[in-house]
PDB file of N, CA and C in Angstrom:
ATOM      1  N   MET A   1      81.088  59.620  95.507  1.00  0.00           N
ATOM      2  CA  MET A   1      81.148  59.350  96.927  1.00  0.00           C
ATOM      3  C   MET A   1      80.033  60.165  97.590  1.00  0.00           C
ATOM      4  N   THR A   2      79.340  59.570  98.518  1.00  0.00           N
ATOM      5  CA  THR A   2      78.235  60.260  99.195  1.00  0.00           C
ATOM      6  C   THR A   2      78.774  61.200 100.271  1.00  0.00           C
ATOM      7  N   ILE A   3      77.900  62.071 100.727  1.00  0.00           N
ATOM      8  CA  ILE A   3      78.301  63.016 101.775  1.00  0.00           C
ATOM      9  C   ILE A   3      78.659  62.276 103.064  1.00  0.00           C
ATOM     10  N   SER A   4      77.970  61.193 103.353  1.00  0.00           N
ATOM     11  CA  SER A   4      78.298  60.441 104.576  1.00  0.00           C
ATOM     12  C   SER A   4      79.659  59.762 104.451  1.00  0.00           C
ATOM     13  N   GLU A   5      80.005  59.293 103.271  1.00  0.00           N
ATOM     14  CA  GLU A   5      81.325  58.693 103.061  1.00  0.00           C
ATOM     15  C   GLU A   5      82.429  59.741 103.218  1.00  0.00           C
ATOM     16  N   VAL A   6      82.189  60.925 102.672  1.00  0.00           N
ATOM     17  CA  VAL A   6      83.167  62.007 102.798  1.00  0.00           C
ATOM     18  C   VAL A   6      83.283  62.439 104.266  1.00  0.00           C
ATOM     19  N   SER A   7      82.137  62.503 104.924  1.00  0.00           N
ATOM     20  CA  SER A   7      82.118  62.851 106.340  1.00  0.00           C
ATOM     21  C   SER A   7      82.974  61.876 107.145  1.00  0.00           C
ATOM     22  N   HIS A   8      82.796  60.608 106.892  1.00  0.00           N
ATOM     23  CA  HIS A   8      83.562  59.572 107.596  1.00  0.00           C
ATOM     24  C   HIS A   8      85.039  59.631 107.216  1.00  0.00           C
ATOM     25  N   ARG A   9      85.321  59.766 105.938  1.00  0.00           N
ATOM     26  CA  ARG A   9      86.706  59.769 105.438  1.00  0.00           C
ATOM     27  C   ARG A   9      87.534  60.892 106.046  1.00  0.00           C
ATOM     28  N   TYR A  10      86.931  62.074 106.205  1.00  0.00           N
ATOM     29  CA  TYR A  10      87.679  63.239 106.682  1.00  0.00           C
ATOM     30  C   TYR A  10      87.327  63.636 108.108  1.00  0.00           C
ATOM     31  N   ASP A  11      86.497  62.827 108.771  1.00  0.00           N
ATOM     32  CA  ASP A  11      86.104  63.100 110.150  1.00  0.00           C
ATOM     33  C   ASP A  11      85.584  64.533 110.291  1.00  0.00           C
ATOM     34  N   ILE A  12      84.605  64.837 109.473  1.00  0.00           N
ATOM     35  CA  ILE A  12      83.977  66.150 109.469  1.00  0.00           C
ATOM     36  C   ILE A  12      82.476  65.916 109.357  1.00  0.00           C
ATOM     37  N   SER A  13      81.707  66.655 110.098  1.00  0.00           N
ATOM     38  CA  SER A  13      80.271  66.372 110.130  1.00  0.00           C
ATOM     39  C   SER A  13      79.594  66.699 108.792  1.00  0.00           C
ATOM     40  N   ILE A  14      78.491  66.026 108.551  1.00  0.00           N
ATOM     41  CA  ILE A  14      77.694  66.270 107.342  1.00  0.00           C
ATOM     42  C   ILE A  14      77.213  67.715 107.332  1.00  0.00           C
ATOM     43  N   ASP A  15      76.776  68.204 108.482  1.00  0.00           N
ATOM     44  CA  ASP A  15      76.322  69.597 108.567  1.00  0.00           C
ATOM     45  C   ASP A  15      77.447  70.565 108.196  1.00  0.00           C
ATOM     46  N   THR A  16      78.658  70.268 108.651  1.00  0.00           N
ATOM     47  CA  THR A  16      79.790  71.140 108.326  1.00  0.00           C
ATOM     48  C   THR A  16      80.088  71.102 106.835  1.00  0.00           C
ATOM     49  N   LEU A  17      80.020  69.929 106.225  1.00  0.00           N
ATOM     50  CA  LEU A  17      80.239  69.832 104.779  1.00  0.00           C
ATOM     51  C   LEU A  17      79.206  70.657 104.020  1.00  0.00           C
ATOM     52  N   ARG A  18      77.950  70.552 104.426  1.00  0.00           N
ATOM     53  CA  ARG A  18      76.895  71.339 103.774  1.00  0.00           C
ATOM     54  C   ARG A  18      77.144  72.836 103.963  1.00  0.00           C
ATOM     55  N   TYR A  19      77.526  73.200 105.174  1.00  0.00           N
ATOM     56  CA  TYR A  19      77.813  74.606 105.483  1.00  0.00           C
ATOM     57  C   TYR A  19      78.977  75.118 104.636  1.00  0.00           C
ATOM     58  N   TYR A  20      80.057  74.354 104.563  1.00  0.00           N
ATOM     59  CA  TYR A  20      81.218  74.760 103.765  1.00  0.00           C
ATOM     60  C   TYR A  20      80.826  74.997 102.307  1.00  0.00           C
ATOM     61  N   GLU A  21      79.979  74.135 101.777  1.00  0.00           N
ATOM     62  CA  GLU A  21      79.534  74.310 100.398  1.00  0.00           C
ATOM     63  C   GLU A  21      78.629  75.542 100.276  1.00  0.00           C
ATOM     64  N   LYS A  22      77.738  75.714 101.241  1.00  0.00           N
ATOM     65  CA  LYS A  22      76.787  76.829 101.209  1.00  0.00           C
ATOM     66  C   LYS A  22      77.487  78.182 101.210  1.00  0.00           C
ATOM     67  N   ILE A  23      78.544  78.319 102.017  1.00  0.00           N
ATOM     68  CA  ILE A  23      79.223  79.613 102.121  1.00  0.00           C
ATOM     69  C   ILE A  23      80.336  79.794 101.093  1.00  0.00           C
ATOM     70  N   GLY A  24      80.596  78.743 100.309  1.00  0.00           N
ATOM     71  CA  GLY A  24      81.625  78.850  99.279  1.00  0.00           C
ATOM     72  C   GLY A  24      83.017  78.486  99.740  1.00  0.00           C
ATOM     73  N   LEU A  25      83.120  77.827 100.875  1.00  0.00           N
ATOM     74  CA  LEU A  25      84.433  77.389 101.366  1.00  0.00           C
ATOM     75  C   LEU A  25      84.957  76.226 100.533  1.00  0.00           C
ATOM     76  N   ILE A  26      84.048  75.458  99.983  1.00  0.00           N
ATOM     77  CA  ILE A  26      84.396  74.461  98.966  1.00  0.00           C
ATOM     78  C   ILE A  26      83.496  74.751  97.765  1.00  0.00           C
ATOM     79  N   PRO A  27      83.979  74.477  96.561  1.00  0.00           N
ATOM     80  CA  PRO A  27      83.136  74.705  95.383  1.00  0.00           C
ATOM     81  C   PRO A  27      81.884  73.830  95.416  1.00  0.00           C
ATOM     82  N   PRO A  28      80.856  74.234  94.669  1.00  0.00           N
ATOM     83  CA  PRO A  28      79.628  73.419  94.630  1.00  0.00           C
ATOM     84  C   PRO A  28      79.928  71.980  94.203  1.00  0.00           C
ATOM     85  N   VAL A  29      79.294  71.049  94.883  1.00  0.00           N
ATOM     86  CA  VAL A  29      79.478  69.626  94.606  1.00  0.00           C
ATOM     87  C   VAL A  29      78.399  69.187  93.615  1.00  0.00           C
ATOM     88  N   ASN A  30      78.806  68.413  92.612  1.00  0.00           N
ATOM     89  CA  ASN A  30      77.831  67.880  91.650  1.00  0.00           C
ATOM     90  C   ASN A  30      76.825  67.001  92.376  1.00  0.00           C
ATOM     91  N   ARG A  31      75.644  66.931  91.803  1.00  0.00           N
ATOM     92  CA  ARG A  31      74.583  66.118  92.398  1.00  0.00           C
ATOM     93  C   ARG A  31      74.067  65.112  91.385  1.00  0.00           C
ATOM     94  N   LYS A  32      73.627  63.989  91.914  1.00  0.00           N
ATOM     95  CA  LYS A  32      72.974  62.985  91.078  1.00  0.00           C
ATOM     96  C   LYS A  32      71.600  63.516  90.675  1.00  0.00           C
ATOM     97  N   SER A  33      70.956  62.837  89.761  1.00  0.00           N
ATOM     98  CA  SER A  33      69.633  63.276  89.309  1.00  0.00           C
ATOM     99  C   SER A  33      68.633  63.326  90.460  1.00  0.00           C
ATOM    100  N   SER A  34      68.889  62.546  91.496  1.00  0.00           N
ATOM    101  CA  SER A  34      68.013  62.532  92.674  1.00  0.00           C
ATOM    102  C   SER A  34      68.274  63.724  93.605  1.00  0.00           C
ATOM    103  N   GLY A  35      69.334  64.496  93.320  1.00  0.00           N
ATOM    104  CA  GLY A  35      69.672  65.645  94.154  1.00  0.00           C
ATOM    105  C   GLY A  35      70.707  65.346  95.222  1.00  0.00           C
ATOM    106  N   VAL A  36      71.124  64.101  95.349  1.00  0.00           N
ATOM    107  CA  VAL A  36      72.114  63.697  96.347  1.00  0.00           C
ATOM    108  C   VAL A  36      73.502  64.134  95.879  1.00  0.00           C
ATOM    109  N   ARG A  37      74.264  64.699  96.801  1.00  0.00           N
ATOM    110  CA  ARG A  37      75.622  65.116  96.458  1.00  0.00           C
ATOM    111  C   ARG A  37      76.454  63.905  96.048  1.00  0.00           C
ATOM    112  N   ASP A  38      77.287  64.113  95.010  1.00  0.00           N
ATOM    113  CA  ASP A  38      78.149  63.057  94.485  1.00  0.00           C
ATOM    114  C   ASP A  38      79.575  63.607  94.426  1.00  0.00           C
ATOM    115  N   TYR A  39      80.325  63.393  95.515  1.00  0.00           N
ATOM    116  CA  TYR A  39      81.674  63.945  95.644  1.00  0.00           C
ATOM    117  C   TYR A  39      82.663  63.202  94.753  1.00  0.00           C
ATOM    118  N   THR A  40      83.434  63.970  93.986  1.00  0.00           N
ATOM    119  CA  THR A  40      84.526  63.423  93.193  1.00  0.00           C
ATOM    120  C   THR A  40      85.813  63.516  94.014  1.00  0.00           C
ATOM    121  N   GLU A  41      86.884  62.971  93.488  1.00  0.00           N
ATOM    122  CA  GLU A  41      88.172  63.106  94.174  1.00  0.00           C
ATOM    123  C   GLU A  41      88.581  64.572  94.255  1.00  0.00           C
ATOM    124  N   GLU A  42      88.279  65.343  93.219  1.00  0.00           N
ATOM    125  CA  GLU A  42      88.590  66.778  93.250  1.00  0.00           C
ATOM    126  C   GLU A  42      87.812  67.462  94.377  1.00  0.00           C
ATOM    127  N   ASP A  43      86.542  67.108  94.530  1.00  0.00           N
ATOM    128  CA  ASP A  43      85.747  67.651  95.629  1.00  0.00           C
ATOM    129  C   ASP A  43      86.370  67.274  96.969  1.00  0.00           C
ATOM    130  N   CYS A  44      86.795  66.035  97.061  1.00  0.00           N
ATOM    131  CA  CYS A  44      87.428  65.562  98.294  1.00  0.00           C
ATOM    132  C   CYS A  44      88.717  66.329  98.580  1.00  0.00           C
ATOM    133  N   ASN A  45      89.462  66.652  97.534  1.00  0.00           N
ATOM    134  CA  ASN A  45      90.674  67.452  97.715  1.00  0.00           C
ATOM    135  C   ASN A  45      90.335  68.821  98.302  1.00  0.00           C
ATOM    136  N   TRP A  46      89.223  69.417  97.846  1.00  0.00           N
ATOM    137  CA  TRP A  46      88.780  70.699  98.398  1.00  0.00           C
ATOM    138  C   TRP A  46      88.369  70.542  99.855  1.00  0.00           C
ATOM    139  N   VAL A  47      87.690  69.461 100.183  1.00  0.00           N
ATOM    140  CA  VAL A  47      87.289  69.214 101.569  1.00  0.00           C
ATOM    141  C   VAL A  47      88.526  69.096 102.451  1.00  0.00           C
ATOM    142  N   TYR A  48      89.493  68.328 101.993  1.00  0.00           N
ATOM    143  CA  TYR A  48      90.738  68.153 102.754  1.00  0.00           C
ATOM    144  C   TYR A  48      91.452  69.492 102.924  1.00  0.00           C
ATOM    145  N   PHE A  49      91.522  70.270 101.844  1.00  0.00           N
ATOM    146  CA  PHE A  49      92.152  71.589 101.895  1.00  0.00           C
ATOM    147  C   PHE A  49      91.447  72.464 102.931  1.00  0.00           C
ATOM    148  N   ALA A  50      90.120  72.539 102.850  1.00  0.00           N
ATOM    149  CA  ALA A  50      89.357  73.377 103.770  1.00  0.00           C
ATOM    150  C   ALA A  50      89.552  72.920 105.216  1.00  0.00           C
ATOM    151  N   LYS A  51      89.465  71.627 105.439  1.00  0.00           N
ATOM    152  CA  LYS A  51      89.608  71.105 106.800  1.00  0.00           C
ATOM    153  C   LYS A  51      90.993  71.397 107.351  1.00  0.00           C
ATOM    154  N   SER A  52      92.025  71.128 106.577  1.00  0.00           N
ATOM    155  CA  SER A  52      93.382  71.333 107.082  1.00  0.00           C
ATOM    156  C   SER A  52      93.677  72.812 107.313  1.00  0.00           C
ATOM    157  N   MET A  53      93.198  73.675 106.434  1.00  0.00           N
ATOM    158  CA  MET A  53      93.409  75.110 106.611  1.00  0.00           C
ATOM    159  C   MET A  53      92.645  75.632 107.836  1.00  0.00           C
ATOM    160  N   ARG A  54      91.415  75.167 108.018  1.00  0.00           N
ATOM    161  CA  ARG A  54      90.636  75.580 109.190  1.00  0.00           C
ATOM    162  C   ARG A  54      91.268  75.054 110.473  1.00  0.00           C
ATOM    163  N   ASN A  55      91.752  73.806 110.445  1.00  0.00           N
ATOM    164  CA  ASN A  55      92.406  73.252 111.632  1.00  0.00           C
ATOM    165  C   ASN A  55      93.651  74.046 112.006  1.00  0.00           C
ATOM    166  N   ALA A  56      94.290  74.631 111.007  1.00  0.00           N
ATOM    167  CA  ALA A  56      95.479  75.444 111.260  1.00  0.00           C
ATOM    168  C   ALA A  56      95.108  76.847 111.728  1.00  0.00           C
ATOM    169  N   GLY A  57      93.830  77.193 111.619  1.00  0.00           N
ATOM    170  CA  GLY A  57      93.399  78.500 112.084  1.00  0.00           C
ATOM    171  C   GLY A  57      93.204  79.547 111.010  1.00  0.00           C
ATOM    172  N   ILE A  58      93.285  79.137 109.747  1.00  0.00           N
ATOM    173  CA  ILE A  58      93.050  80.087 108.656  1.00  0.00           C
ATOM    174  C   ILE A  58      91.579  80.515 108.714  1.00  0.00           C
ATOM    175  N   SER A  59      91.340  81.793 108.504  1.00  0.00           N
ATOM    176  CA  SER A  59      89.975  82.306 108.619  1.00  0.00           C
ATOM    177  C   SER A  59      89.087  81.807 107.486  1.00  0.00           C
ATOM    178  N   ILE A  60      87.830  81.653 107.809  1.00  0.00           N
ATOM    179  CA  ILE A  60      86.839  81.257 106.806  1.00  0.00           C
ATOM    180  C   ILE A  60      86.797  82.290 105.691  1.00  0.00           C
ATOM    181  N   GLU A  61      86.850  83.561 106.068  1.00  0.00           N
ATOM    182  CA  GLU A  61      86.765  84.629 105.079  1.00  0.00           C
ATOM    183  C   GLU A  61      87.887  84.538 104.045  1.00  0.00           C
ATOM    184  N   ALA A  62      89.101  84.298 104.503  1.00  0.00           N
ATOM    185  CA  ALA A  62      90.238  84.188 103.586  1.00  0.00           C
ATOM    186  C   ALA A  62      90.068  82.991 102.659  1.00  0.00           C
ATOM    187  N   LEU A  63      89.584  81.886 103.200  1.00  0.00           N
ATOM    188  CA  LEU A  63      89.407  80.687 102.387  1.00  0.00           C
ATOM    189  C   LEU A  63      88.273  80.843 101.382  1.00  0.00           C
ATOM    190  N   VAL A  64      87.187  81.481 101.790  1.00  0.00           N
ATOM    191  CA  VAL A  64      86.071  81.720 100.868  1.00  0.00           C
ATOM    192  C   VAL A  64      86.539  82.618  99.727  1.00  0.00           C
ATOM    193  N   GLU A  65      87.306  83.646 100.073  1.00  0.00           N
ATOM    194  CA  GLU A  65      87.835  84.531  99.028  1.00  0.00           C
ATOM    195  C   GLU A  65      88.752  83.761  98.079  1.00  0.00           C
ATOM    196  N   TYR A  66      89.588  82.898  98.634  1.00  0.00           N
ATOM    197  CA  TYR A  66      90.492  82.092  97.810  1.00  0.00           C
ATOM    198  C   TYR A  66      89.706  81.220  96.832  1.00  0.00           C
ATOM    199  N   VAL A  67      88.692  80.522  97.322  1.00  0.00           N
ATOM    200  CA  VAL A  67      87.886  79.635  96.473  1.00  0.00           C
ATOM    201  C   VAL A  67      87.153  80.439  95.408  1.00  0.00           C
ATOM    202  N   MET A  68      86.633  81.592  95.787  1.00  0.00           N
ATOM    203  CA  MET A  68      85.943  82.455  94.831  1.00  0.00           C
ATOM    204  C   MET A  68      86.898  82.900  93.720  1.00  0.00           C
ATOM    205  N   LEU A  69      88.093  83.295  94.111  1.00  0.00           N
ATOM    206  CA  LEU A  69      89.081  83.703  93.111  1.00  0.00           C
ATOM    207  C   LEU A  69      89.507  82.524  92.239  1.00  0.00           C
ATOM    208  N   PHE A  70      89.649  81.362  92.850  1.00  0.00           N
ATOM    209  CA  PHE A  70      90.017  80.165  92.094  1.00  0.00           C
ATOM    210  C   PHE A  70      88.999  79.903  90.982  1.00  0.00           C
ATOM    211  N   SER A  71      87.733  80.093  91.309  1.00  0.00           N
ATOM    212  CA  SER A  71      86.676  79.825  90.324  1.00  0.00           C
ATOM    213  C   SER A  71      86.720  80.796  89.149  1.00  0.00           C
ATOM    214  N   LYS A  72      87.406  81.920  89.314  1.00  0.00           N
ATOM    215  CA  LYS A  72      87.504  82.916  88.241  1.00  0.00           C
ATOM    216  C   LYS A  72      88.644  82.635  87.267  1.00  0.00           C
ATOM    217  N   GLY A  73      89.499  81.673  87.598  1.00  0.00           N
ATOM    218  CA  GLY A  73      90.515  81.261  86.645  1.00  0.00           C
ATOM    219  C   GLY A  73      91.899  81.833  86.887  1.00  0.00           C
ATOM    220  N   ASN A  74      92.741  81.636  85.870  1.00  0.00           N
ATOM    221  CA  ASN A  74      94.162  81.950  85.983  1.00  0.00           C
ATOM    222  C   ASN A  74      94.485  83.422  86.198  1.00  0.00           C
ATOM    223  N   GLU A  75      93.578  84.315  85.814  1.00  0.00           N
ATOM    224  CA  GLU A  75      93.880  85.733  85.996  1.00  0.00           C
ATOM    225  C   GLU A  75      93.922  86.136  87.469  1.00  0.00           C
ATOM    226  N   THR A  76      93.523  85.242  88.356  1.00  0.00           N
ATOM    227  CA  THR A  76      93.528  85.540  89.793  1.00  0.00           C
ATOM    228  C   THR A  76      94.682  84.881  90.533  1.00  0.00           C
ATOM    229  N   ILE A  77      95.608  84.303  89.802  1.00  0.00           N
ATOM    230  CA  ILE A  77      96.712  83.576  90.447  1.00  0.00           C
ATOM    231  C   ILE A  77      97.471  84.462  91.433  1.00  0.00           C
ATOM    232  N   CYS A  78      97.800  85.680  91.033  1.00  0.00           N
ATOM    233  CA  CYS A  78      98.561  86.574  91.924  1.00  0.00           C
ATOM    234  C   CYS A  78      97.769  86.914  93.186  1.00  0.00           C
ATOM    235  N   LEU A  79      96.484  87.149  93.025  1.00  0.00           N
ATOM    236  CA  LEU A  79      95.643  87.452  94.188  1.00  0.00           C
ATOM    237  C   LEU A  79      95.538  86.251  95.126  1.00  0.00           C
ATOM    238  N   ARG A  80      95.390  85.062  94.547  1.00  0.00           N
ATOM    239  CA  ARG A  80      95.308  83.848  95.368  1.00  0.00           C
ATOM    240  C   ARG A  80      96.609  83.619  96.120  1.00  0.00           C
ATOM    241  N   LYS A  81      97.717  83.813  95.420  1.00  0.00           N
ATOM    242  CA  LYS A  81      99.016  83.636  96.068  1.00  0.00           C
ATOM    243  C   LYS A  81      99.181  84.643  97.200  1.00  0.00           C
ATOM    244  N   ALA A  82      98.707  85.865  96.998  1.00  0.00           N
ATOM    245  CA  ALA A  82      98.800  86.889  98.049  1.00  0.00           C
ATOM    246  C   ALA A  82      98.010  86.461  99.288  1.00  0.00           C
ATOM    247  N   ILE A  83      96.841  85.879  99.083  1.00  0.00           N
ATOM    248  CA  ILE A  83      96.047  85.383 100.219  1.00  0.00           C
ATOM    249  C   ILE A  83      96.825  84.311 100.964  1.00  0.00           C
ATOM    250  N   LEU A  84      97.396  83.373 100.226  1.00  0.00           N
ATOM    251  CA  LEU A  84      98.155  82.287 100.857  1.00  0.00           C
ATOM    252  C   LEU A  84      99.369  82.828 101.611  1.00  0.00           C
ATOM    253  N   LEU A  85     100.056  83.795 101.022  1.00  0.00           N
ATOM    254  CA  LEU A  85     101.229  84.379 101.685  1.00  0.00           C
ATOM    255  C   LEU A  85     100.825  85.119 102.963  1.00  0.00           C
ATOM    256  N   GLU A  86      99.729  85.842 102.893  1.00  0.00           N
ATOM    257  CA  GLU A  86      99.247  86.560 104.066  1.00  0.00           C
ATOM    258  C   GLU A  86      98.865  85.589 105.178  1.00  0.00           C
ATOM    259  N   GLN A  87      98.164  84.519 104.818  1.00  0.00           N
ATOM    260  CA  GLN A  87      97.758  83.535 105.810  1.00  0.00           C
ATOM    261  C   GLN A  87      98.951  82.764 106.363  1.00  0.00           C
ATOM    262  N   ARG A  88      99.969  82.554 105.520  1.00  0.00           N
ATOM    263  CA  ARG A  88     101.192  81.914 105.991  1.00  0.00           C
ATOM    264  C   ARG A  88     101.852  82.768 107.054  1.00  0.00           C
ATOM    265  N   GLU A  89     101.861  84.072 106.838  1.00  0.00           N
ATOM    266  CA  GLU A  89     102.452  84.995 107.812  1.00  0.00           C
ATOM    267  C   GLU A  89     101.683  84.947 109.135  1.00  0.00           C
ATOM    268  N   VAL A  90     100.367  84.911 109.055  1.00  0.00           N
ATOM    269  CA  VAL A  90      99.540  84.807 110.261  1.00  0.00           C
ATOM    270  C   VAL A  90      99.883  83.521 111.013  1.00  0.00           C
ATOM    271  N   LEU A  91      99.956  82.401 110.280  1.00  0.00           N
ATOM    272  CA  LEU A  91     100.279  81.113 110.916  1.00  0.00           C
ATOM    273  C   LEU A  91     101.686  81.118 111.503  1.00  0.00           C
ATOM    274  N   TYR A  92     102.623  81.717 110.779  1.00  0.00           N
ATOM    275  CA  TYR A  92     104.008  81.781 111.251  1.00  0.00           C
ATOM    276  C   TYR A  92     104.072  82.545 112.575  1.00  0.00           C
ATOM    277  N   ASN A  93     103.389  83.681 112.642  1.00  0.00           N
ATOM    278  CA  ASN A  93     103.384  84.465 113.873  1.00  0.00           C
ATOM    279  C   ASN A  93     102.702  83.712 115.011  1.00  0.00           C
ATOM    280  N   ARG A  94     101.630  83.001 114.707  1.00  0.00           N
ATOM    281  CA  ARG A  94     100.953  82.196 115.723  1.00  0.00           C
ATOM    282  C   ARG A  94     101.886  81.080 116.206  1.00  0.00           C
ATOM    283  N   ALA A  95     102.610  80.458 115.283  1.00  0.00           N
ATOM    284  CA  ALA A  95     103.535  79.386 115.657  1.00  0.00           C
ATOM    285  C   ALA A  95     104.643  79.927 116.565  1.00  0.00           C
ATOM    286  N   LYS A  96     105.131  81.119 116.274  1.00  0.00           N
ATOM    287  CA  LYS A  96     106.153  81.735 117.143  1.00  0.00           C
ATOM    288  C   LYS A  96     105.598  81.956 118.541  1.00  0.00           C
ATOM    289  N   GLU A  97     104.359  82.438 118.627  1.00  0.00           N
ATOM    290  CA  GLU A  97     103.730  82.648 119.930  1.00  0.00           C
ATOM    291  C   GLU A  97     103.584  81.330 120.677  1.00  0.00           C
ATOM    292  N   ILE A  98     103.179  80.290 119.958  1.00  0.00           N
ATOM    293  CA  ILE A  98     103.015  78.976 120.590  1.00  0.00           C
ATOM    294  C   ILE A  98     104.356  78.452 121.090  1.00  0.00           C
ATOM    295  N   LEU A  99     105.401  78.593 120.293  1.00  0.00           N
ATOM    296  CA  LEU A  99     106.729  78.140 120.722  1.00  0.00           C
ATOM    297  C   LEU A  99     107.204  78.923 121.941  1.00  0.00           C
ATOM    298  N   HIS A 100     106.926  80.211 121.966  1.00  0.00           N
ATOM    299  CA  HIS A 100     107.291  81.033 123.131  1.00  0.00           C
ATOM    300  C   HIS A 100     106.549  80.547 124.374  1.00  0.00           C
ATOM    301  N   THR A 101     105.269  80.267 124.223  1.00  0.00           N
ATOM    302  CA  THR A 101     104.467  79.775 125.342  1.00  0.00           C
ATOM    303  C   THR A 101     104.957  78.407 125.798  1.00  0.00           C
ATOM    304  N   LEU A 102     105.304  77.542 124.852  1.00  0.00           N
ATOM    305  CA  LEU A 102     105.853  76.224 125.217  1.00  0.00           C
ATOM    306  C   LEU A 102     107.138  76.372 126.017  1.00  0.00           C
ATOM    307  N   ALA A 103     107.988  77.291 125.625  1.00  0.00           N
ATOM    308  CA  ALA A 103     109.236  77.517 126.358  1.00  0.00           C
ATOM    309  C   ALA A 103     108.948  77.978 127.785  1.00  0.00           C
ATOM    310  N   ARG A 104     107.953  78.858 127.949  1.00  0.00           N
ATOM    311  CA  ARG A 104     107.583  79.315 129.286  1.00  0.00           C
ATOM    312  C   ARG A 104     107.030  78.163 130.123  1.00  0.00           C
ATOM    313  N   LEU A 105     106.197  77.323 129.491  1.00  0.00           N
ATOM    314  CA  LEU A 105     105.661  76.160 130.210  1.00  0.00           C
ATOM    315  C   LEU A 105     106.765  75.199 130.609  1.00  0.00           C
ATOM    316  N   ASP A 106     107.701  74.945 129.693  1.00  0.00           N
ATOM    317  CA  ASP A 106     108.823  74.055 130.002  1.00  0.00           C
ATOM    318  C   ASP A 106     109.612  74.581 131.197  1.00  0.00           C
ATOM    319  N   LYS A 107     109.816  75.889 131.218  1.00  0.00           N
ATOM    320  CA  LYS A 107     110.557  76.494 132.329  1.00  0.00           C
ATOM    321  C   LYS A 107     109.779  76.329 133.638  1.00  0.00           C
ATOM    322  N   LYS A 108     108.470  76.513 133.562  1.00  0.00           N
ATOM    323  CA  LYS A 108     107.635  76.374 134.754  1.00  0.00           C
ATOM    324  C   LYS A 108     107.591  74.917 135.226  1.00  0.00           C
ATOM    325  N   ILE A 109     107.511  73.982 134.277  1.00  0.00           N
ATOM    326  CA  ILE A 109     107.435  72.554 134.607  1.00  0.00           C
ATOM    327  C   ILE A 109     108.753  72.062 135.186  1.00  0.00           C
ATOM    328  N   ASP A 110     109.869  72.552 134.653  1.00  0.00           N
ATOM    329  CA  ASP A 110     111.185  72.130 135.105  1.00  0.00           C
ATOM    330  C   ASP A 110     111.358  72.493 136.577  1.00  0.00           C
ATOM    331  N   GLY A 111     111.511  71.533 137.397  1.00  0.00           N
ATOM    332  CA  GLY A 111     111.693  71.759 138.827  1.00  0.00           C
ATOM    333  C   GLY A 111     110.413  72.100 139.572  1.00  0.00           C
ATOM    334  N   TYR A 112     109.278  71.819 138.947  1.00  0.00           N
ATOM    335  CA  TYR A 112     107.986  72.181 139.547  1.00  0.00           C
ATOM    336  C   TYR A 112     107.795  71.541 140.915  1.00  0.00           C
ATOM    337  N   GLU A 113     108.062  70.257 140.995  1.00  0.00           N
ATOM    338  CA  GLU A 113     107.841  69.549 142.254  1.00  0.00           C
ATOM    339  C   GLU A 113     108.667  70.160 143.387  1.00  0.00           C
ATOM    340  N   GLU A 114     109.924  70.496 143.112  1.00  0.00           N
ATOM    341  CA  GLU A 114     110.776  71.074 144.152  1.00  0.00           C
ATOM    342  C   GLU A 114     110.219  72.409 144.636  1.00  0.00           C
ATOM    343  N   ARG A 115     109.737  73.226 143.712  1.00  0.00           N
ATOM    344  CA  ARG A 115     109.173  74.522 144.103  1.00  0.00           C
ATOM    345  C   ARG A 115     107.881  74.341 144.894  1.00  0.00           C
ATOM    346  N   VAL A 116     107.052  73.385 144.496  1.00  0.00           N
ATOM    347  CA  VAL A 116     105.796  73.147 145.217  1.00  0.00           C
ATOM    348  C   VAL A 116     106.099  72.636 146.620  1.00  0.00           C
ATOM    349  N   LEU A 117     107.038  71.692 146.740  1.00  0.00           N
ATOM    350  CA  LEU A 117     107.392  71.176 148.063  1.00  0.00           C
ATOM    351  C   LEU A 117     107.941  72.283 148.951  1.00  0.00           C
ATOM    352  N   LYS A 118     108.770  73.135 148.399  1.00  0.00           N
ATOM    353  CA  LYS A 118     109.334  74.249 149.161  1.00  0.00           C
ATOM    354  C   LYS A 118     108.213  75.169 149.653  1.00  0.00           C
ATOM    355  N   TYR A 119     107.252  75.437 148.810  1.00  0.00           N
ATOM    356  CA  TYR A 119     106.137  76.307 149.186  1.00  0.00           C
ATOM    357  C   TYR A 119     105.266  75.630 150.247  1.00  0.00           C
ATOM    358  N   GLU A 120     105.019  74.312 150.063  1.00  0.00           N
ATOM    359  CA  GLU A 120     104.208  73.586 151.043  1.00  0.00           C
ATOM    360  C   GLU A 120     104.884  73.543 152.405  1.00  0.00           C
ATOM    361  N   LYS A 121     106.199  73.361 152.436  1.00  0.00           N
ATOM    362  CA  LYS A 121     106.944  73.377 153.704  1.00  0.00           C
ATOM    363  C   LYS A 121     106.820  74.738 154.395  1.00  0.00           C
ATOM    364  N   LYS A 122     106.861  75.781 153.549  1.00  0.00           N
ATOM    365  CA  LYS A 122     106.726  77.136 154.074  1.00  0.00           C
ATOM    366  C   LYS A 122     105.329  77.304 154.683  1.00  0.00           C
ATOM    367  N   LEU A 123     104.296  76.810 153.989  1.00  0.00           N
ATOM    368  CA  LEU A 123     102.926  76.899 154.515  1.00  0.00           C
ATOM    369  C   LEU A 123     102.756  76.109 155.794  1.00  0.00           C
ATOM    370  N   ASN A 124     103.364  74.910 155.836  1.00  0.00           N
ATOM    371  CA  ASN A 124     103.246  74.064 157.039  1.00  0.00           C
ATOM    372  C   ASN A 124     103.956  74.685 158.234  1.00  0.00           C
ATOM    373  N   GLY A 125     104.937  75.511 157.974  1.00  0.00           N
ATOM    374  CA  GLY A 125     105.693  76.143 159.067  1.00  0.00           C
ATOM    375  C   GLY A 125     104.947  77.301 159.682  1.00  0.00           C
ATOM    376  N   LEU A 126     103.879  77.784 159.030  1.00  0.00           N
ATOM    377  CA  LEU A 126     103.148  78.945 159.567  1.00  0.00           C
ATOM    378  C   LEU A 126     102.308  78.609 160.741  1.00  0.00           C
TER     379      LEU A 126
END
């Protein structure tokens, strides 16, 4: 699969795909004899993994470290799992913050019109 096909399939720019490969966020992609990248399904799985993790807010540094450790083989399984657990905790805490903020917004939205009208009446009375 070409880089443009992967770009279209995952809605990620060609420049971003090149950047992800350059910094080690995805493993090196095989190339045809002409030098053109030739993405396999495994490569695509890495692209999907990187995109979904980045969309969730996982740091580039953590993901690069994970990919680097993955390339070293099974002796890094515990270290890789530790990275995933740490990032899960970060996401969990972020999700709690988001839920708290949503609750505050819901409270503010509930009865908003009545409060605005009351305030506007007060302003008109001045």
